[in-house]
Structures are given as C-alpha cells and as structure tokens.
Amino acid sequence: MTRDLTKTASFLSLHLMVGFGVAYAFTGSLALAGGIALVEPLVNAVVFFFHERAWKEGGGLPLAALLAHDHTATPRLAAG
C-alpha cells in the first residue's frame, strides 16, 4: 500500500511538472502556467470518471462508439 501511494505521488508530481512546463512554454506566464498545471489534473479526473462509466455501461465499447450508435441495439461484449 505504501509503495502504491508513493508511486501515485511520484506520478502526480511528474504530471504537474510537465503540465507546468508545457503551459509556461506556451504562455510565458508563471501564474497562468501554475493555474493550468493545477486545474488540468482535476478536469482530467472528471473526464476519466465518465470515460470509465461509458466503458462499463457500454460493455467495453469506446465512448466514440457509444456516441455514434444507439448502444441499446448493439450487442454487449463479454467482460474480460
């Protein structure tokens, strides 16, 4: 459990640094880059939640397929 938390914290740190670096390279603003680096992971977490729900409810179909078709008429794929 401790290793998992350490790995998660390590990845979060890298994610924030990369986000900050990219945002700073594009904007040249420390304040704007800091805001983007903090907001982007939060938005990504919300998107991830809905992405996972779409896959779970769609039987493994990607979100694009769910949006493009009436998924009630599409056969469900076996879990696995």
C-alpha atoms as a PDB file:
ATOM      1  CA  MET A   1       0.000   0.000   0.000  1.00  0.00           C
ATOM      2  CA  THR A   2       2.817   2.434   0.863  1.00  0.00           C
ATOM      3  CA  ARG A   3       4.519   1.690  -2.460  1.00  0.00           C
ATOM      4  CA  ASP A   4       1.281   2.417  -4.333  1.00  0.00           C
ATOM      5  CA  LEU A   5       0.839   5.753  -2.564  1.00  0.00           C
ATOM      6  CA  THR A   6       4.473   6.676  -3.216  1.00  0.00           C
ATOM      7  CA  LYS A   7       4.130   5.748  -6.880  1.00  0.00           C
ATOM      8  CA  THR A   8       0.909   7.781  -7.157  1.00  0.00           C
ATOM      9  CA  ALA A   9       2.532  10.822  -5.529  1.00  0.00           C
ATOM     10  CA  SER A  10       5.541  10.450  -7.824  1.00  0.00           C
ATOM     11  CA  PHE A  11       3.351  10.312 -10.928  1.00  0.00           C
ATOM     12  CA  LEU A  12       1.281  13.277  -9.748  1.00  0.00           C
ATOM     13  CA  SER A  13       4.472  15.298  -9.250  1.00  0.00           C
ATOM     14  CA  LEU A  14       5.689  14.455 -12.751  1.00  0.00           C
ATOM     15  CA  HIS A  15       2.276  15.228 -14.224  1.00  0.00           C
ATOM     16  CA  LEU A  16       2.191  18.637 -12.541  1.00  0.00           C
ATOM     17  CA  MET A  17       5.749  19.479 -13.604  1.00  0.00           C
ATOM     18  CA  VAL A  18       5.124  18.502 -17.221  1.00  0.00           C
ATOM     19  CA  GLY A  19       1.834  20.409 -17.278  1.00  0.00           C
ATOM     20  CA  PHE A  20       3.504  23.465 -15.778  1.00  0.00           C
ATOM     21  CA  GLY A  21       6.444  23.262 -18.182  1.00  0.00           C
ATOM     22  CA  VAL A  22       4.252  22.947 -21.268  1.00  0.00           C
ATOM     23  CA  ALA A  23       1.883  25.718 -20.133  1.00  0.00           C
ATOM     24  CA  TYR A  24       4.816  28.006 -19.326  1.00  0.00           C
ATOM     25  CA  ALA A  25       6.422  27.309 -22.707  1.00  0.00           C
ATOM     26  CA  PHE A  26       3.189  28.301 -24.445  1.00  0.00           C
ATOM     27  CA  THR A  27       2.231  31.286 -22.283  1.00  0.00           C
ATOM     28  CA  GLY A  28       5.442  32.640 -20.744  1.00  0.00           C
ATOM     29  CA  SER A  29       3.440  33.339 -17.580  1.00  0.00           C
ATOM     30  CA  LEU A  30       4.277  31.691 -14.257  1.00  0.00           C
ATOM     31  CA  ALA A  31       0.825  32.452 -12.828  1.00  0.00           C
ATOM     32  CA  LEU A  32      -1.073  31.151 -15.840  1.00  0.00           C
ATOM     33  CA  ALA A  33       1.134  28.067 -16.110  1.00  0.00           C
ATOM     34  CA  GLY A  34       0.607  27.338 -12.410  1.00  0.00           C
ATOM     35  CA  GLY A  35      -3.155  27.635 -12.781  1.00  0.00           C
ATOM     36  CA  ILE A  36      -3.231  25.375 -15.802  1.00  0.00           C
ATOM     37  CA  ALA A  37      -0.976  22.820 -14.092  1.00  0.00           C
ATOM     38  CA  LEU A  38      -3.363  22.650 -11.132  1.00  0.00           C
ATOM     39  CA  VAL A  39      -6.694  22.725 -12.976  1.00  0.00           C
ATOM     40  CA  GLU A  40      -5.856  20.272 -15.768  1.00  0.00           C
ATOM     41  CA  PRO A  41      -5.455  17.190 -13.499  1.00  0.00           C
ATOM     42  CA  LEU A  42      -8.787  17.965 -11.823  1.00  0.00           C
ATOM     43  CA  VAL A  43     -10.572  18.207 -15.168  1.00  0.00           C
ATOM     44  CA  ASN A  44      -8.804  15.041 -16.319  1.00  0.00           C
ATOM     45  CA  ALA A  45     -10.041  13.175 -13.225  1.00  0.00           C
ATOM     46  CA  VAL A  46     -13.661  14.091 -14.024  1.00  0.00           C
ATOM     47  CA  VAL A  47     -13.232  13.073 -17.679  1.00  0.00           C
ATOM     48  CA  PHE A  48     -11.649   9.780 -16.579  1.00  0.00           C
ATOM     49  CA  PHE A  49     -14.633   9.023 -14.334  1.00  0.00           C
ATOM     50  CA  PHE A  50     -17.112   9.450 -17.204  1.00  0.00           C
ATOM     51  CA  HIS A  51     -14.824   7.560 -19.598  1.00  0.00           C
ATOM     52  CA  GLU A  52     -14.791   4.594 -17.227  1.00  0.00           C
ATOM     53  CA  ARG A  53     -18.587   4.732 -16.835  1.00  0.00           C
ATOM     54  CA  ALA A  54     -19.042   4.790 -20.618  1.00  0.00           C
ATOM     55  CA  TRP A  55     -16.839   1.729 -20.997  1.00  0.00           C
ATOM     56  CA  LYS A  56     -18.573  -0.094 -18.141  1.00  0.00           C
ATOM     57  CA  GLU A  57     -22.097   0.688 -19.337  1.00  0.00           C
ATOM     58  CA  GLY A  58     -21.203   0.119 -22.980  1.00  0.00           C
ATOM     59  CA  GLY A  59     -19.815  -3.358 -22.408  1.00  0.00           C
ATOM     60  CA  GLY A  60     -16.301  -2.366 -23.398  1.00  0.00           C
ATOM     61  CA  LEU A  61     -17.172  -0.149 -26.362  1.00  0.00           C
ATOM     62  CA  PRO A  62     -15.225   3.094 -26.576  1.00  0.00           C
ATOM     63  CA  LEU A  63     -17.043   6.351 -25.933  1.00  0.00           C
ATOM     64  CA  ALA A  64     -16.973   7.292 -29.630  1.00  0.00           C
ATOM     65  CA  ALA A  65     -18.930   4.142 -30.499  1.00  0.00           C
ATOM     66  CA  LEU A  66     -21.461   4.886 -27.767  1.00  0.00           C
ATOM     67  CA  LEU A  67     -21.988   8.395 -29.104  1.00  0.00           C
ATOM     68  CA  ALA A  68     -22.154   7.307 -32.747  1.00  0.00           C
ATOM     69  CA  HIS A  69     -24.679   4.473 -32.307  1.00  0.00           C
ATOM     70  CA  ASP A  70     -27.744   3.540 -30.337  1.00  0.00           C
ATOM     71  CA  HIS A  71     -25.899   1.320 -27.855  1.00  0.00           C
ATOM     72  CA  THR A  72     -29.142  -0.323 -26.711  1.00  0.00           C
ATOM     73  CA  ALA A  73     -29.238  -2.075 -30.109  1.00  0.00           C
ATOM     74  CA  THR A  74     -25.526  -3.033 -30.020  1.00  0.00           C
ATOM     75  CA  PRO A  75     -24.728  -6.458 -28.591  1.00  0.00           C
ATOM     76  CA  ARG A  76     -22.722  -6.272 -25.384  1.00  0.00           C
ATOM     77  CA  LEU A  77     -19.207  -7.627 -25.482  1.00  0.00           C
ATOM     78  CA  ALA A  78     -18.169 -10.223 -22.943  1.00  0.00           C
ATOM     79  CA  ALA A  79     -16.342  -8.811 -19.936  1.00  0.00           C
ATOM     80  CA  GLY A  80     -12.737  -9.737 -19.740  1.00  0.00           C
END
